Amino acid sequence: LINEIMEMEMFLNHFADLFDETDASIITENTNLKDLEEWSSMIIMGIIAMADEEYAVRLKGEDIRKVSTVKDLYDLIQSRRG
């Protein structure tokens, strides 16, 4: 359980790093992606790169468009890890 919490914290940090103007403190696992003011195709490209670099998981834009919250995105990446 502690490991899972640490994994989520690391994921939240990686995710928050993709945003320039959004305060990391407002991003939680329950944050709805489309509610983020900076949400854009550039952020989606950043998520695809982050998933590949940090987790060795290949995502497509359509995968990301199917999820709603940060937790959904995290679960998607975890489900595809080798």
C-alpha atoms as a PDB file:
ATOM      1  CA  LEU A   1       0.000   0.000   0.000  1.00  0.00           C
ATOM      2  CA  ILE A   2       2.810   2.435   0.876  1.00  0.00           C
ATOM      3  CA  ASN A   3       4.479   1.570  -2.414  1.00  0.00           C
ATOM      4  CA  GLU A   4       1.229   2.316  -4.266  1.00  0.00           C
ATOM      5  CA  ILE A   5       0.920   5.696  -2.540  1.00  0.00           C
ATOM      6  CA  MET A   6       4.524   6.539  -3.413  1.00  0.00           C
ATOM      7  CA  GLU A   7       3.931   5.499  -7.041  1.00  0.00           C
ATOM      8  CA  MET A   8       0.890   7.776  -7.248  1.00  0.00           C
ATOM      9  CA  GLU A   9       2.848  10.669  -5.684  1.00  0.00           C
ATOM     10  CA  MET A  10       5.630  10.217  -8.257  1.00  0.00           C
ATOM     11  CA  PHE A  11       3.064  10.026 -11.060  1.00  0.00           C
ATOM     12  CA  LEU A  12       1.367  13.217  -9.832  1.00  0.00           C
ATOM     13  CA  ASN A  13       4.753  14.976  -9.822  1.00  0.00           C
ATOM     14  CA  HIS A  14       5.564  13.831 -13.381  1.00  0.00           C
ATOM     15  CA  PHE A  15       2.083  14.825 -14.513  1.00  0.00           C
ATOM     16  CA  ALA A  16       2.220  18.251 -12.833  1.00  0.00           C
ATOM     17  CA  ASP A  17       5.617  18.927 -14.440  1.00  0.00           C
ATOM     18  CA  LEU A  18       3.880  18.982 -17.840  1.00  0.00           C
ATOM     19  CA  PHE A  19       2.027  22.169 -16.899  1.00  0.00           C
ATOM     20  CA  ASP A  20       3.641  25.610 -16.917  1.00  0.00           C
ATOM     21  CA  GLU A  21       0.926  27.743 -15.362  1.00  0.00           C
ATOM     22  CA  THR A  22      -1.110  25.255 -13.320  1.00  0.00           C
ATOM     23  CA  ASP A  23      -0.177  25.054  -9.642  1.00  0.00           C
ATOM     24  CA  ALA A  24       0.832  21.465  -8.865  1.00  0.00           C
ATOM     25  CA  SER A  25      -1.057  21.629  -5.566  1.00  0.00           C
ATOM     26  CA  ILE A  26      -4.421  21.702  -7.359  1.00  0.00           C
ATOM     27  CA  ILE A  27      -3.664  18.481  -9.253  1.00  0.00           C
ATOM     28  CA  THR A  28      -4.870  15.402  -7.399  1.00  0.00           C
ATOM     29  CA  GLU A  29      -5.805  11.907  -8.506  1.00  0.00           C
ATOM     30  CA  ASN A  30      -9.445  13.066  -8.674  1.00  0.00           C
ATOM     31  CA  THR A  31      -8.720  16.030 -10.956  1.00  0.00           C
ATOM     32  CA  ASN A  32     -10.737  15.892 -14.153  1.00  0.00           C
ATOM     33  CA  LEU A  33      -8.258  16.303 -17.011  1.00  0.00           C
ATOM     34  CA  LYS A  34     -10.539  18.459 -19.128  1.00  0.00           C
ATOM     35  CA  ASP A  35     -11.138  20.829 -16.199  1.00  0.00           C
ATOM     36  CA  LEU A  36      -7.479  21.885 -16.263  1.00  0.00           C
ATOM     37  CA  GLU A  37      -7.188  25.275 -17.947  1.00  0.00           C
ATOM     38  CA  GLU A  38      -3.940  24.312 -19.717  1.00  0.00           C
ATOM     39  CA  TRP A  39      -5.373  21.007 -21.059  1.00  0.00           C
ATOM     40  CA  SER A  40      -4.399  20.845 -24.741  1.00  0.00           C
ATOM     41  CA  SER A  41      -2.986  18.665 -27.474  1.00  0.00           C
ATOM     42  CA  MET A  42       0.491  19.756 -26.324  1.00  0.00           C
ATOM     43  CA  ILE A  43      -0.212  18.372 -22.846  1.00  0.00           C
ATOM     44  CA  ILE A  44      -1.451  15.125 -24.418  1.00  0.00           C
ATOM     45  CA  MET A  45       1.821  14.885 -26.373  1.00  0.00           C
ATOM     46  CA  GLY A  46       3.681  15.474 -23.099  1.00  0.00           C
ATOM     47  CA  ILE A  47       1.720  12.670 -21.404  1.00  0.00           C
ATOM     48  CA  ILE A  48       2.559  10.292 -24.271  1.00  0.00           C
ATOM     49  CA  ALA A  49       6.266  11.175 -23.916  1.00  0.00           C
ATOM     50  CA  MET A  50       6.165  10.901 -20.096  1.00  0.00           C
ATOM     51  CA  ALA A  51       4.455   7.487 -20.226  1.00  0.00           C
ATOM     52  CA  ASP A  52       7.118   6.263 -22.638  1.00  0.00           C
ATOM     53  CA  GLU A  53      10.121   7.732 -20.787  1.00  0.00           C
ATOM     54  CA  GLU A  54       9.092   7.087 -17.189  1.00  0.00           C
ATOM     55  CA  TYR A  55       7.015   3.924 -17.491  1.00  0.00           C
ATOM     56  CA  ALA A  56       8.011   2.349 -20.862  1.00  0.00           C
ATOM     57  CA  VAL A  57       4.321   2.449 -21.859  1.00  0.00           C
ATOM     58  CA  ARG A  58       3.144   3.485 -25.308  1.00  0.00           C
ATOM     59  CA  LEU A  59      -0.037   5.532 -25.371  1.00  0.00           C
ATOM     60  CA  LYS A  60      -1.955   7.134 -28.209  1.00  0.00           C
ATOM     61  CA  GLY A  61      -3.953  10.338 -28.085  1.00  0.00           C
ATOM     62  CA  GLU A  62      -7.166   8.329 -28.314  1.00  0.00           C
ATOM     63  CA  ASP A  63      -6.170   6.353 -25.168  1.00  0.00           C
ATOM     64  CA  ILE A  64      -5.843   9.600 -23.240  1.00  0.00           C
ATOM     65  CA  ARG A  65      -9.103  11.020 -24.609  1.00  0.00           C
ATOM     66  CA  LYS A  66     -10.934   7.964 -23.205  1.00  0.00           C
ATOM     67  CA  VAL A  67      -9.941   8.677 -19.585  1.00  0.00           C
ATOM     68  CA  SER A  68     -11.454  11.367 -17.364  1.00  0.00           C
ATOM     69  CA  THR A  69      -9.340  11.815 -14.244  1.00  0.00           C
ATOM     70  CA  VAL A  70      -5.668  11.749 -13.330  1.00  0.00           C
ATOM     71  CA  LYS A  71      -6.353   8.449 -11.509  1.00  0.00           C
ATOM     72  CA  ASP A  72      -7.886   6.972 -14.689  1.00  0.00           C
ATOM     73  CA  LEU A  73      -4.731   7.953 -16.579  1.00  0.00           C
ATOM     74  CA  TYR A  74      -2.524   6.465 -13.856  1.00  0.00           C
ATOM     75  CA  ASP A  75      -4.538   3.211 -13.906  1.00  0.00           C
ATOM     76  CA  LEU A  76      -4.276   3.029 -17.693  1.00  0.00           C
ATOM     77  CA  ILE A  77      -0.487   3.391 -17.587  1.00  0.00           C
ATOM     78  CA  GLN A  78      -0.182   0.867 -14.732  1.00  0.00           C
ATOM     79  CA  SER A  79      -2.323  -1.661 -16.623  1.00  0.00           C
ATOM     80  CA  ARG A  80       0.064  -1.495 -19.584  1.00  0.00           C
ATOM     81  CA  ARG A  81       3.341  -1.784 -17.695  1.00  0.00           C
ATOM     82  CA  GLY A  82       5.361  -4.866 -18.600  1.00  0.00           C
END
